[in-house]
Amino acid sequence: MKTMTCDFLIVGAGLSGCTLGVLLARAGADVLALELLDAKEKDKPCAGGIDRNLRSLLEETFGRGAWDDLHPAHIDGMRFRMDGHELRGGSRFCALPRKQLDDYALNLYTEAGGRLMDRVSVKAIDAAKGEAACECLRTGEPFTVQFRTVVGADGAASCARRLITGKKASAAPAIEASVPKLFDELLLEHRYGEVGYAWYIPQRESATVGAWFRGGSVALCREALGSLLRELSISVEPKAIRGAFIPSGDDVLLRAGENAYFVGDAAGLIHATLGGGIHYAIESAQLLASALTGGQDYGRAMRSIAEDVAMVARNAEKIQFLTNFRILKKGLPASSLTRRWGRP
């Protein structure tokens, strides 16, 4: 059976995995990334909203000009809706199709000399021994990888996390679809008693709609998304709706043993009421790359971030309640909503 070797094995060639890979490869490390799907064709469901503060992090991580290369679309404002009331505010957000960002990181990773194998299933990981048992899904042939350090970067339903720790990460389903762009503001529709929302986020030429509820179900997501689509008078074919998992934020895990780490969604990094997965994916990868190349300890560098994620998760229901109360107390009545969307 074929055996491969590397310094750093990264399970998952998405945004967090490729960001980490870029930085390690640029530092001269021998990096191998394994991806379950076709790396060039995969398109992860993601709302695509990013804080404009991400610009400095992107350029610090990928190099000057990264923001201009990606050219995110500006979001004019934000609208929060609940029970026929709407609260409108300014926006510090931009929008960026997730595939565009993932492809950008993937290309930089391979250009830096990082190795990539896609359509690979990881069957077992012995972190203490430094060995992973894998199977090439294109040929059906098994092989092993011997590594010095392994990093789980394979999303909220992380296989690496389950194989290393014996436990699944806490996550909830989300659904999403691409639709025509109607207006240039971000819209979040909330529900009583639920932490989460349905969303409309404008991109440059289209928009994404979706729904996610912490601890919710696919059925709840479909119901909420259907309600939003009816309000917007948008029709979406059922087969055009895609699904993914989003971390709940209440079980952050940055490290498991001496040579096993996690970044991004695989680490459980999410703001339980606002998202922020893109920012966490890049920041955690950057801080882990620094730690693995002689910088500050990863746990210490991530401490304030992990504590904030955990705090928000603990108080998610309270935060959601206060948000909903503010919408109902200060929002506009339903009669004004369609007029402000520019509809007759």
C-alpha atoms as a PDB file:
ATOM      1  CA  MET A   1       0.000   0.000   0.000  1.00  0.00           C
ATOM      2  CA  LYS A   2       1.248   3.449  -0.935  1.00  0.00           C
ATOM      3  CA  THR A   3       2.550   5.680   1.869  1.00  0.00           C
ATOM      4  CA  MET A   4       2.912   9.452   1.641  1.00  0.00           C
ATOM      5  CA  THR A   5       4.721  11.734   4.075  1.00  0.00           C
ATOM      6  CA  CYS A   6       4.380  15.417   4.976  1.00  0.00           C
ATOM      7  CA  ASP A   7       5.089  17.830   7.774  1.00  0.00           C
ATOM      8  CA  PHE A   8       1.521  19.110   7.951  1.00  0.00           C
ATOM      9  CA  LEU A   9      -1.562  17.178   6.930  1.00  0.00           C
ATOM     10  CA  ILE A  10      -4.631  19.382   6.438  1.00  0.00           C
ATOM     11  CA  VAL A  11      -7.971  17.592   6.202  1.00  0.00           C
ATOM     12  CA  GLY A  12     -10.201  19.864   4.138  1.00  0.00           C
ATOM     13  CA  ALA A  13      -9.202  22.173   1.285  1.00  0.00           C
ATOM     14  CA  GLY A  14     -11.785  24.884   1.859  1.00  0.00           C
ATOM     15  CA  LEU A  15     -11.157  28.434   2.991  1.00  0.00           C
ATOM     16  CA  SER A  16      -9.620  27.705   6.409  1.00  0.00           C
ATOM     17  CA  GLY A  17      -7.563  24.745   5.166  1.00  0.00           C
ATOM     18  CA  CYS A  18      -6.160  26.533   2.127  1.00  0.00           C
ATOM     19  CA  THR A  19      -5.481  29.721   4.092  1.00  0.00           C
ATOM     20  CA  LEU A  20      -3.456  27.706   6.578  1.00  0.00           C
ATOM     21  CA  GLY A  21      -1.782  25.846   3.730  1.00  0.00           C
ATOM     22  CA  VAL A  22      -0.787  29.057   1.955  1.00  0.00           C
ATOM     23  CA  LEU A  23       0.937  30.434   5.030  1.00  0.00           C
ATOM     24  CA  LEU A  24       2.701  27.183   5.921  1.00  0.00           C
ATOM     25  CA  ALA A  25       3.847  26.568   2.336  1.00  0.00           C
ATOM     26  CA  ARG A  26       5.154  30.129   2.053  1.00  0.00           C
ATOM     27  CA  ALA A  27       7.146  29.470   5.230  1.00  0.00           C
ATOM     28  CA  GLY A  28       8.811  26.512   3.502  1.00  0.00           C
ATOM     29  CA  ALA A  29       6.853  23.672   5.127  1.00  0.00           C
ATOM     30  CA  ASP A  30       5.866  20.458   3.374  1.00  0.00           C
ATOM     31  CA  VAL A  31       2.059  20.609   3.334  1.00  0.00           C
ATOM     32  CA  LEU A  32      -0.502  18.122   2.034  1.00  0.00           C
ATOM     33  CA  ALA A  33      -4.214  18.975   1.887  1.00  0.00           C
ATOM     34  CA  LEU A  34      -6.819  16.245   1.442  1.00  0.00           C
ATOM     35  CA  GLU A  35     -10.307  17.081   0.146  1.00  0.00           C
ATOM     36  CA  LEU A  36     -13.358  14.827  -0.002  1.00  0.00           C
ATOM     37  CA  LEU A  37     -14.952  16.641  -2.952  1.00  0.00           C
ATOM     38  CA  ASP A  38     -13.620  17.871  -6.281  1.00  0.00           C
ATOM     39  CA  ALA A  39     -11.606  20.861  -5.072  1.00  0.00           C
ATOM     40  CA  LYS A  40     -12.161  22.987  -8.180  1.00  0.00           C
ATOM     41  CA  GLU A  41     -15.841  22.191  -8.620  1.00  0.00           C
ATOM     42  CA  LYS A  42     -17.125  22.300  -5.042  1.00  0.00           C
ATOM     43  CA  ASP A  43     -19.269  25.264  -4.069  1.00  0.00           C
ATOM     44  CA  LYS A  44     -20.007  25.462  -0.360  1.00  0.00           C
ATOM     45  CA  PRO A  45     -23.367  27.020   0.585  1.00  0.00           C
ATOM     46  CA  CYS A  46     -22.625  30.275   2.404  1.00  0.00           C
ATOM     47  CA  ALA A  47     -24.492  33.557   2.719  1.00  0.00           C
ATOM     48  CA  GLY A  48     -21.301  35.396   1.786  1.00  0.00           C
ATOM     49  CA  GLY A  49     -21.633  38.408   4.067  1.00  0.00           C
ATOM     50  CA  ILE A  50     -18.343  39.832   5.334  1.00  0.00           C
ATOM     51  CA  ASP A  51     -17.466  42.717   7.631  1.00  0.00           C
ATOM     52  CA  ARG A  52     -15.463  45.448   5.896  1.00  0.00           C
ATOM     53  CA  ASN A  53     -12.935  45.083   8.715  1.00  0.00           C
ATOM     54  CA  LEU A  54     -11.983  41.817   7.013  1.00  0.00           C
ATOM     55  CA  ARG A  55     -10.031  43.842   4.454  1.00  0.00           C
ATOM     56  CA  SER A  56      -7.000  44.293   6.699  1.00  0.00           C
ATOM     57  CA  LEU A  57      -7.034  40.617   7.691  1.00  0.00           C
ATOM     58  CA  LEU A  58      -7.293  39.482   4.062  1.00  0.00           C
ATOM     59  CA  GLU A  59      -4.384  41.637   2.970  1.00  0.00           C
ATOM     60  CA  GLU A  60      -2.289  40.719   5.992  1.00  0.00           C
ATOM     61  CA  THR A  61      -2.898  37.035   5.249  1.00  0.00           C
ATOM     62  CA  PHE A  62      -2.850  36.815   1.452  1.00  0.00           C
ATOM     63  CA  GLY A  63      -0.920  39.944   0.524  1.00  0.00           C
ATOM     64  CA  ARG A  64      -1.615  43.538  -0.464  1.00  0.00           C
ATOM     65  CA  GLY A  65      -4.190  43.790  -3.198  1.00  0.00           C
ATOM     66  CA  ALA A  66      -6.216  40.776  -2.051  1.00  0.00           C
ATOM     67  CA  TRP A  67      -9.285  42.907  -1.327  1.00  0.00           C
ATOM     68  CA  ASP A  68      -9.118  44.546  -4.770  1.00  0.00           C
ATOM     69  CA  ASP A  69      -8.554  41.156  -6.418  1.00  0.00           C
ATOM     70  CA  LEU A  70     -11.709  39.784  -4.799  1.00  0.00           C
ATOM     71  CA  HIS A  71     -13.712  43.009  -5.223  1.00  0.00           C
ATOM     72  CA  PRO A  72     -16.551  42.399  -2.711  1.00  0.00           C
ATOM     73  CA  ALA A  73     -19.920  44.031  -3.399  1.00  0.00           C
ATOM     74  CA  HIS A  74     -20.961  46.825  -1.032  1.00  0.00           C
ATOM     75  CA  ILE A  75     -24.170  46.273   0.960  1.00  0.00           C
ATOM     76  CA  ASP A  76     -26.071  49.552   1.308  1.00  0.00           C
ATOM     77  CA  GLY A  77     -27.891  48.796   4.564  1.00  0.00           C
ATOM     78  CA  MET A  78     -29.450  46.177   6.827  1.00  0.00           C
ATOM     79  CA  ARG A  79     -33.094  45.344   7.477  1.00  0.00           C
ATOM     80  CA  PHE A  80     -34.275  43.257  10.424  1.00  0.00           C
ATOM     81  CA  ARG A  81     -37.817  41.913  10.206  1.00  0.00           C
ATOM     82  CA  MET A  82     -40.191  40.198  12.580  1.00  0.00           C
ATOM     83  CA  ASP A  83     -43.957  39.787  12.782  1.00  0.00           C
ATOM     84  CA  GLY A  84     -44.676  42.471  10.199  1.00  0.00           C
ATOM     85  CA  HIS A  85     -42.243  45.019  11.653  1.00  0.00           C
ATOM     86  CA  GLU A  86     -38.947  46.118  10.172  1.00  0.00           C
ATOM     87  CA  LEU A  87     -35.975  47.899  11.688  1.00  0.00           C
ATOM     88  CA  ARG A  88     -33.548  49.479   9.274  1.00  0.00           C
ATOM     89  CA  GLY A  89     -29.936  50.453   9.883  1.00  0.00           C
ATOM     90  CA  GLY A  90     -26.653  51.203   8.199  1.00  0.00           C
ATOM     91  CA  SER A  91     -24.279  48.477   7.078  1.00  0.00           C
ATOM     92  CA  ARG A  92     -20.603  47.794   7.563  1.00  0.00           C
ATOM     93  CA  PHE A  93     -20.908  44.662   5.444  1.00  0.00           C
ATOM     94  CA  CYS A  94     -19.902  43.596   1.964  1.00  0.00           C
ATOM     95  CA  ALA A  95     -20.806  40.448   0.070  1.00  0.00           C
ATOM     96  CA  LEU A  96     -18.540  37.951  -1.631  1.00  0.00           C
ATOM     97  CA  PRO A  97     -19.548  34.675  -3.301  1.00  0.00           C
ATOM     98  CA  ARG A  98     -18.018  31.906  -1.213  1.00  0.00           C
ATOM     99  CA  LYS A  99     -16.769  29.955  -4.224  1.00  0.00           C
ATOM    100  CA  GLN A 100     -14.845  32.983  -5.444  1.00  0.00           C
ATOM    101  CA  LEU A 101     -13.097  33.289  -2.083  1.00  0.00           C
ATOM    102  CA  ASP A 102     -12.466  29.539  -1.776  1.00  0.00           C
ATOM    103  CA  ASP A 103     -11.019  29.366  -5.290  1.00  0.00           C
ATOM    104  CA  TYR A 104      -8.794  32.353  -4.549  1.00  0.00           C
ATOM    105  CA  ALA A 105      -7.334  30.657  -1.464  1.00  0.00           C
ATOM    106  CA  LEU A 106      -6.975  27.324  -3.299  1.00  0.00           C
ATOM    107  CA  ASN A 107      -5.063  28.914  -6.167  1.00  0.00           C
ATOM    108  CA  LEU A 108      -2.716  30.725  -3.788  1.00  0.00           C
ATOM    109  CA  TYR A 109      -2.136  27.454  -1.927  1.00  0.00           C
ATOM    110  CA  THR A 110      -1.082  25.515  -5.019  1.00  0.00           C
ATOM    111  CA  GLU A 111       0.971  28.467  -6.316  1.00  0.00           C
ATOM    112  CA  ALA A 112       2.864  28.462  -2.989  1.00  0.00           C
ATOM    113  CA  GLY A 113       3.832  24.827  -3.556  1.00  0.00           C
ATOM    114  CA  GLY A 114       1.256  23.144  -1.363  1.00  0.00           C
ATOM    115  CA  ARG A 115       0.216  19.638  -2.382  1.00  0.00           C
ATOM    116  CA  LEU A 116      -3.438  18.787  -2.941  1.00  0.00           C
ATOM    117  CA  MET A 117      -5.269  15.495  -3.287  1.00  0.00           C
ATOM    118  CA  ASP A 118      -9.021  15.707  -3.796  1.00  0.00           C
ATOM    119  CA  ARG A 119     -11.724  13.053  -3.958  1.00  0.00           C
ATOM    120  CA  VAL A 120     -10.080  11.428  -0.939  1.00  0.00           C
ATOM    121  CA  SER A 121     -11.901   9.849   2.012  1.00  0.00           C
ATOM    122  CA  VAL A 122     -10.037   9.845   5.329  1.00  0.00           C
ATOM    123  CA  LYS A 123     -10.933   6.605   7.113  1.00  0.00           C
ATOM    124  CA  ALA A 124      -8.880   6.842  10.309  1.00  0.00           C
ATOM    125  CA  ILE A 125      -6.469   9.233  12.020  1.00  0.00           C
ATOM    126  CA  ASP A 126      -3.981   8.177  14.674  1.00  0.00           C
ATOM    127  CA  ALA A 127      -2.743  11.555  15.848  1.00  0.00           C
ATOM    128  CA  ALA A 128      -0.350  10.106  18.428  1.00  0.00           C
ATOM    129  CA  LYS A 129       1.269   7.843  15.847  1.00  0.00           C
ATOM    130  CA  GLY A 130       1.152  10.489  13.137  1.00  0.00           C
ATOM    131  CA  GLU A 131      -0.651   8.414  10.557  1.00  0.00           C
ATOM    132  CA  ALA A 132      -3.894   8.638   8.578  1.00  0.00           C
ATOM    133  CA  ALA A 133      -5.580   5.846   6.614  1.00  0.00           C
ATOM    134  CA  CYS A 134      -7.180   7.138   3.415  1.00  0.00           C
ATOM    135  CA  GLU A 135      -8.877   6.006   0.226  1.00  0.00           C
ATOM    136  CA  CYS A 136      -8.718   7.598  -3.219  1.00  0.00           C
ATOM    137  CA  LEU A 137     -12.328   7.788  -4.389  1.00  0.00           C
ATOM    138  CA  ARG A 138     -11.269   8.080  -8.039  1.00  0.00           C
ATOM    139  CA  THR A 139      -9.457   4.740  -8.069  1.00  0.00           C
ATOM    140  CA  GLY A 140     -10.700   2.996  -4.926  1.00  0.00           C
ATOM    141  CA  GLU A 141      -7.096   2.448  -3.798  1.00  0.00           C
ATOM    142  CA  PRO A 142      -6.176   2.789  -0.098  1.00  0.00           C
ATOM    143  CA  PHE A 143      -3.092   4.678   1.038  1.00  0.00           C
ATOM    144  CA  THR A 144      -1.607   6.075   4.231  1.00  0.00           C
ATOM    145  CA  VAL A 145      -0.198   9.471   5.122  1.00  0.00           C
ATOM    146  CA  GLN A 146       2.491   9.889   7.742  1.00  0.00           C
ATOM    147  CA  PHE A 147       2.573  13.381   9.231  1.00  0.00           C
ATOM    148  CA  ARG A 148       4.117  15.464  11.984  1.00  0.00           C
ATOM    149  CA  THR A 149       0.982  17.551  12.604  1.00  0.00           C
ATOM    150  CA  VAL A 150      -2.640  17.111  11.500  1.00  0.00           C
ATOM    151  CA  VAL A 151      -5.212  19.893  11.202  1.00  0.00           C
ATOM    152  CA  GLY A 152      -8.956  19.447  10.868  1.00  0.00           C
ATOM    153  CA  ALA A 153     -10.288  22.082   8.475  1.00  0.00           C
ATOM    154  CA  ASP A 154     -13.204  20.146   7.019  1.00  0.00           C
ATOM    155  CA  GLY A 155     -16.209  22.135   8.159  1.00  0.00           C
ATOM    156  CA  ALA A 156     -18.896  21.944  10.826  1.00  0.00           C
ATOM    157  CA  ALA A 157     -19.522  18.237  10.173  1.00  0.00           C
ATOM    158  CA  SER A 158     -15.787  17.598  10.521  1.00  0.00           C
ATOM    159  CA  CYS A 159     -14.719  14.032   9.817  1.00  0.00           C
ATOM    160  CA  ALA A 160     -11.270  14.805  11.231  1.00  0.00           C
ATOM    161  CA  ARG A 161     -12.732  15.967  14.520  1.00  0.00           C
ATOM    162  CA  ARG A 162     -14.823  12.813  14.856  1.00  0.00           C
ATOM    163  CA  LEU A 163     -11.910  10.506  13.966  1.00  0.00           C
ATOM    164  CA  ILE A 164      -9.486  12.233  16.343  1.00  0.00           C
ATOM    165  CA  THR A 165     -11.787  12.829  19.326  1.00  0.00           C
ATOM    166  CA  GLY A 166     -14.458  10.166  18.849  1.00  0.00           C
ATOM    167  CA  LYS A 167     -17.168  12.852  19.049  1.00  0.00           C
ATOM    168  CA  LYS A 168     -19.164  14.804  16.487  1.00  0.00           C
ATOM    169  CA  ALA A 169     -19.118  18.580  16.592  1.00  0.00           C
ATOM    170  CA  SER A 170     -22.308  20.437  17.526  1.00  0.00           C
ATOM    171  CA  ALA A 171     -23.886  21.867  14.380  1.00  0.00           C
ATOM    172  CA  ALA A 172     -27.248  22.700  12.834  1.00  0.00           C
ATOM    173  CA  PRO A 173     -28.424  22.486   9.206  1.00  0.00           C
ATOM    174  CA  ALA A 174     -28.739  25.506   6.941  1.00  0.00           C
ATOM    175  CA  ILE A 175     -30.178  25.826   3.436  1.00  0.00           C
ATOM    176  CA  GLU A 176     -29.488  28.312   0.652  1.00  0.00           C
ATOM    177  CA  ALA A 177     -30.345  29.197  -2.940  1.00  0.00           C
ATOM    178  CA  SER A 178     -29.223  31.767  -5.510  1.00  0.00           C
ATOM    179  CA  VAL A 179     -31.904  34.217  -6.720  1.00  0.00           C
ATOM    180  CA  PRO A 180     -32.145  37.397  -8.819  1.00  0.00           C
ATOM    181  CA  LYS A 181     -31.069  40.554  -7.017  1.00  0.00           C
ATOM    182  CA  LEU A 182     -34.022  42.729  -5.986  1.00  0.00           C
ATOM    183  CA  PHE A 183     -32.327  45.419  -3.878  1.00  0.00           C
ATOM    184  CA  ASP A 184     -28.917  46.256  -2.395  1.00  0.00           C
ATOM    185  CA  GLU A 185     -29.658  45.838   1.301  1.00  0.00           C
ATOM    186  CA  LEU A 186     -29.227  42.816   3.552  1.00  0.00           C
ATOM    187  CA  LEU A 187     -32.466  41.448   5.017  1.00  0.00           C
ATOM    188  CA  LEU A 188     -32.758  39.185   8.070  1.00  0.00           C
ATOM    189  CA  GLU A 189     -36.142  37.747   9.012  1.00  0.00           C
ATOM    190  CA  HIS A 190     -36.410  36.562  12.629  1.00  0.00           C
ATOM    191  CA  ARG A 191     -38.898  34.244  14.360  1.00  0.00           C
ATOM    192  CA  TYR A 192     -40.310  34.037  17.856  1.00  0.00           C
ATOM    193  CA  GLY A 193     -38.558  31.530  20.079  1.00  0.00           C
ATOM    194  CA  GLU A 194     -35.823  30.676  17.577  1.00  0.00           C
ATOM    195  CA  VAL A 195     -32.158  31.645  17.464  1.00  0.00           C
ATOM    196  CA  GLY A 196     -31.408  32.210  13.815  1.00  0.00           C
ATOM    197  CA  TYR A 197     -33.074  33.774  10.790  1.00  0.00           C
ATOM    198  CA  ALA A 198     -33.872  33.600   7.116  1.00  0.00           C
ATOM    199  CA  TRP A 199     -31.753  35.928   4.979  1.00  0.00           C
ATOM    200  CA  TYR A 200     -31.499  37.785   1.709  1.00  0.00           C
ATOM    201  CA  ILE A 201     -27.982  38.996   0.859  1.00  0.00           C
ATOM    202  CA  PRO A 202     -27.248  40.867  -2.386  1.00  0.00           C
ATOM    203  CA  GLN A 203     -24.148  39.945  -4.345  1.00  0.00           C
ATOM    204  CA  ARG A 204     -22.805  41.841  -7.365  1.00  0.00           C
ATOM    205  CA  GLU A 205     -25.171  40.403  -9.970  1.00  0.00           C
ATOM    206  CA  SER A 206     -27.471  38.115  -7.995  1.00  0.00           C
ATOM    207  CA  ALA A 207     -28.395  37.409  -4.377  1.00  0.00           C
ATOM    208  CA  THR A 208     -28.461  34.510  -1.927  1.00  0.00           C
ATOM    209  CA  VAL A 209     -31.430  33.539   0.210  1.00  0.00           C
ATOM    210  CA  GLY A 210     -31.294  30.987   2.979  1.00  0.00           C
ATOM    211  CA  ALA A 211     -32.195  30.059   6.513  1.00  0.00           C
ATOM    212  CA  TRP A 212     -30.419  28.784   9.600  1.00  0.00           C
ATOM    213  CA  PHE A 213     -31.649  28.209  13.130  1.00  0.00           C
ATOM    214  CA  ARG A 214     -29.377  27.127  15.962  1.00  0.00           C
ATOM    215  CA  GLY A 215     -30.623  23.748  17.142  1.00  0.00           C
ATOM    216  CA  GLY A 216     -33.276  23.784  14.408  1.00  0.00           C
ATOM    217  CA  SER A 217     -34.209  21.343  11.674  1.00  0.00           C
ATOM    218  CA  VAL A 218     -34.232  21.264   7.882  1.00  0.00           C
ATOM    219  CA  ALA A 219     -38.039  21.461   8.013  1.00  0.00           C
ATOM    220  CA  LEU A 220     -37.901  24.684  10.039  1.00  0.00           C
ATOM    221  CA  CYS A 221     -35.345  26.139   7.630  1.00  0.00           C
ATOM    222  CA  ARG A 222     -37.521  25.269   4.640  1.00  0.00           C
ATOM    223  CA  GLU A 223     -40.592  26.810   6.260  1.00  0.00           C
ATOM    224  CA  ALA A 224     -38.771  30.049   7.097  1.00  0.00           C
ATOM    225  CA  LEU A 225     -37.134  30.268   3.682  1.00  0.00           C
ATOM    226  CA  GLY A 226     -40.454  29.601   1.977  1.00  0.00           C
ATOM    227  CA  SER A 227     -42.073  32.424   3.946  1.00  0.00           C
ATOM    228  CA  LEU A 228     -39.311  34.838   2.951  1.00  0.00           C
ATOM    229  CA  LEU A 229     -39.518  33.849  -0.715  1.00  0.00           C
ATOM    230  CA  ARG A 230     -43.263  34.454  -0.731  1.00  0.00           C
ATOM    231  CA  GLU A 231     -42.761  37.885   0.819  1.00  0.00           C
ATOM    232  CA  LEU A 232     -40.232  38.724  -1.886  1.00  0.00           C
ATOM    233  CA  SER A 233     -42.354  37.160  -4.662  1.00  0.00           C
ATOM    234  CA  ILE A 234     -39.465  34.902  -5.682  1.00  0.00           C
ATOM    235  CA  SER A 235     -39.882  31.366  -6.992  1.00  0.00           C
ATOM    236  CA  VAL A 236     -37.102  28.806  -6.432  1.00  0.00           C
ATOM    237  CA  GLU A 237     -37.046  25.253  -7.732  1.00  0.00           C
ATOM    238  CA  PRO A 238     -36.647  22.757  -4.853  1.00  0.00           C
ATOM    239  CA  LYS A 239     -33.593  21.200  -6.550  1.00  0.00           C
ATOM    240  CA  ALA A 240     -31.883  24.619  -6.505  1.00  0.00           C
ATOM    241  CA  ILE A 241     -31.895  24.695  -2.687  1.00  0.00           C
ATOM    242  CA  ARG A 242     -28.651  23.410  -1.184  1.00  0.00           C
ATOM    243  CA  GLY A 243     -27.794  22.406   2.354  1.00  0.00           C
ATOM    244  CA  ALA A 244     -24.829  22.647   4.706  1.00  0.00           C
ATOM    245  CA  PHE A 245     -24.057  22.533   8.428  1.00  0.00           C
ATOM    246  CA  ILE A 246     -23.240  25.544  10.591  1.00  0.00           C
ATOM    247  CA  PRO A 247     -21.498  25.256  13.999  1.00  0.00           C
ATOM    248  CA  SER A 248     -23.590  26.055  17.057  1.00  0.00           C
ATOM    249  CA  GLY A 249     -20.656  27.816  18.740  1.00  0.00           C
ATOM    250  CA  ASP A 250     -21.011  26.034  22.085  1.00  0.00           C
ATOM    251  CA  ASP A 251     -18.256  23.424  21.708  1.00  0.00           C
ATOM    252  CA  VAL A 252     -15.148  25.248  20.503  1.00  0.00           C
ATOM    253  CA  LEU A 253     -12.179  22.886  20.194  1.00  0.00           C
ATOM    254  CA  LEU A 254      -8.856  24.280  19.042  1.00  0.00           C
ATOM    255  CA  ARG A 255      -6.556  21.389  19.873  1.00  0.00           C
ATOM    256  CA  ALA A 256      -6.732  17.678  20.624  1.00  0.00           C
ATOM    257  CA  GLY A 257      -3.379  16.362  21.787  1.00  0.00           C
ATOM    258  CA  GLU A 258       0.141  17.472  21.016  1.00  0.00           C
ATOM    259  CA  ASN A 259      -0.064  17.485  17.233  1.00  0.00           C
ATOM    260  CA  ALA A 260      -3.761  17.790  16.302  1.00  0.00           C
ATOM    261  CA  TYR A 261      -5.486  21.131  15.742  1.00  0.00           C
ATOM    262  CA  PHE A 262      -8.735  22.522  14.340  1.00  0.00           C
ATOM    263  CA  VAL A 263      -9.567  25.733  12.502  1.00  0.00           C
ATOM    264  CA  GLY A 264     -12.685  27.483  11.212  1.00  0.00           C
ATOM    265  CA  ASP A 265     -15.988  25.627  11.302  1.00  0.00           C
ATOM    266  CA  ALA A 266     -14.230  22.400  12.320  1.00  0.00           C
ATOM    267  CA  ALA A 267     -13.149  24.184  15.504  1.00  0.00           C
ATOM    268  CA  GLY A 268     -16.746  25.289  16.136  1.00  0.00           C
ATOM    269  CA  LEU A 269     -15.963  28.963  15.546  1.00  0.00           C
ATOM    270  CA  ILE A 270     -19.143  30.932  14.835  1.00  0.00           C
ATOM    271  CA  HIS A 271     -21.020  33.892  16.250  1.00  0.00           C
ATOM    272  CA  ALA A 272     -24.229  32.143  17.309  1.00  0.00           C
ATOM    273  CA  THR A 273     -26.499  35.013  16.242  1.00  0.00           C
ATOM    274  CA  LEU A 274     -24.586  36.775  13.442  1.00  0.00           C
ATOM    275  CA  GLY A 275     -22.449  34.140  11.717  1.00  0.00           C
ATOM    276  CA  GLY A 276     -18.976  35.400  10.881  1.00  0.00           C
ATOM    277  CA  GLY A 277     -17.653  32.043   9.661  1.00  0.00           C
ATOM    278  CA  ILE A 278     -15.541  33.581   6.891  1.00  0.00           C
ATOM    279  CA  HIS A 279     -13.727  35.891   9.293  1.00  0.00           C
ATOM    280  CA  TYR A 280     -13.144  33.101  11.836  1.00  0.00           C
ATOM    281  CA  ALA A 281     -11.898  30.727   9.115  1.00  0.00           C
ATOM    282  CA  ILE A 282      -9.181  33.136   7.995  1.00  0.00           C
ATOM    283  CA  GLU A 283      -8.215  34.436  11.433  1.00  0.00           C
ATOM    284  CA  SER A 284      -7.919  31.003  13.071  1.00  0.00           C
ATOM    285  CA  ALA A 285      -5.857  29.713  10.130  1.00  0.00           C
ATOM    286  CA  GLN A 286      -3.561  32.716  10.315  1.00  0.00           C
ATOM    287  CA  LEU A 287      -2.998  32.363  14.060  1.00  0.00           C
ATOM    288  CA  LEU A 288      -2.408  28.605  13.822  1.00  0.00           C
ATOM    289  CA  ALA A 289       0.095  29.095  10.982  1.00  0.00           C
ATOM    290  CA  SER A 290       1.954  31.585  13.155  1.00  0.00           C
ATOM    291  CA  ALA A 291       1.986  29.160  16.097  1.00  0.00           C
ATOM    292  CA  LEU A 292       3.212  26.258  13.948  1.00  0.00           C
ATOM    293  CA  THR A 293       6.071  28.336  12.552  1.00  0.00           C
ATOM    294  CA  GLY A 294       7.382  29.594  15.890  1.00  0.00           C
ATOM    295  CA  GLY A 295       4.881  32.271  16.882  1.00  0.00           C
ATOM    296  CA  GLN A 296       2.559  32.607  19.850  1.00  0.00           C
ATOM    297  CA  ASP A 297       0.840  29.472  21.137  1.00  0.00           C
ATOM    298  CA  TYR A 298      -2.398  28.865  19.199  1.00  0.00           C
ATOM    299  CA  GLY A 299      -4.598  28.480  22.270  1.00  0.00           C
ATOM    300  CA  ARG A 300      -3.233  31.646  23.825  1.00  0.00           C
ATOM    301  CA  ALA A 301      -3.574  33.615  20.589  1.00  0.00           C
ATOM    302  CA  MET A 302      -7.149  32.398  20.115  1.00  0.00           C
ATOM    303  CA  ARG A 303      -8.232  32.731  23.746  1.00  0.00           C
ATOM    304  CA  SER A 304     -10.212  35.970  23.460  1.00  0.00           C
ATOM    305  CA  ILE A 305     -11.879  34.774  20.251  1.00  0.00           C
ATOM    306  CA  ALA A 306     -12.823  31.403  21.722  1.00  0.00           C
ATOM    307  CA  GLU A 307     -14.144  33.030  24.890  1.00  0.00           C
ATOM    308  CA  ASP A 308     -16.266  35.458  22.861  1.00  0.00           C
ATOM    309  CA  VAL A 309     -17.699  32.628  20.734  1.00  0.00           C
ATOM    310  CA  ALA A 310     -18.559  30.641  23.868  1.00  0.00           C
ATOM    311  CA  MET A 311     -20.090  33.676  25.601  1.00  0.00           C
ATOM    312  CA  VAL A 312     -22.349  34.447  22.637  1.00  0.00           C
ATOM    313  CA  ALA A 313     -23.397  30.788  22.432  1.00  0.00           C
ATOM    314  CA  ARG A 314     -24.319  30.757  26.137  1.00  0.00           C
ATOM    315  CA  ASN A 315     -26.383  33.919  25.740  1.00  0.00           C
ATOM    316  CA  ALA A 316     -27.727  33.302  22.243  1.00  0.00           C
ATOM    317  CA  GLU A 317     -31.366  33.084  23.316  1.00  0.00           C
ATOM    318  CA  LYS A 318     -31.114  36.283  25.355  1.00  0.00           C
ATOM    319  CA  ILE A 319     -29.353  38.138  22.526  1.00  0.00           C
ATOM    320  CA  GLN A 320     -31.978  36.974  20.043  1.00  0.00           C
ATOM    321  CA  PHE A 321     -34.817  37.991  22.380  1.00  0.00           C
ATOM    322  CA  LEU A 322     -33.394  41.492  22.807  1.00  0.00           C
ATOM    323  CA  THR A 323     -32.914  41.832  19.044  1.00  0.00           C
ATOM    324  CA  ASN A 324     -36.493  40.771  18.379  1.00  0.00           C
ATOM    325  CA  PHE A 325     -37.816  43.082  21.110  1.00  0.00           C
ATOM    326  CA  ARG A 326     -35.989  46.004  19.531  1.00  0.00           C
ATOM    327  CA  ILE A 327     -37.442  45.211  16.088  1.00  0.00           C
ATOM    328  CA  LEU A 328     -40.988  45.123  17.466  1.00  0.00           C
ATOM    329  CA  LYS A 329     -40.508  48.223  19.612  1.00  0.00           C
ATOM    330  CA  LYS A 330     -38.730  50.476  17.111  1.00  0.00           C
ATOM    331  CA  GLY A 331     -39.538  48.908  13.748  1.00  0.00           C
ATOM    332  CA  LEU A 332     -41.844  50.232  11.035  1.00  0.00           C
ATOM    333  CA  PRO A 333     -45.295  48.699  10.513  1.00  0.00           C
ATOM    334  CA  ALA A 334     -45.857  46.128   7.806  1.00  0.00           C
ATOM    335  CA  SER A 335     -47.779  48.548   5.597  1.00  0.00           C
ATOM    336  CA  SER A 336     -44.559  50.384   4.719  1.00  0.00           C
ATOM    337  CA  LEU A 337     -42.421  47.360   3.884  1.00  0.00           C
ATOM    338  CA  THR A 338     -43.347  46.731   0.251  1.00  0.00           C
ATOM    339  CA  ARG A 339     -43.145  50.425  -0.565  1.00  0.00           C
ATOM    340  CA  ARG A 340     -39.614  50.623   0.790  1.00  0.00           C
ATOM    341  CA  TRP A 341     -38.583  47.578  -1.234  1.00  0.00           C
ATOM    342  CA  GLY A 342     -39.463  49.577  -4.315  1.00  0.00           C
ATOM    343  CA  ARG A 343     -42.502  47.447  -5.149  1.00  0.00           C
ATOM    344  CA  PRO A 344     -45.894  48.904  -6.147  1.00  0.00           C
END
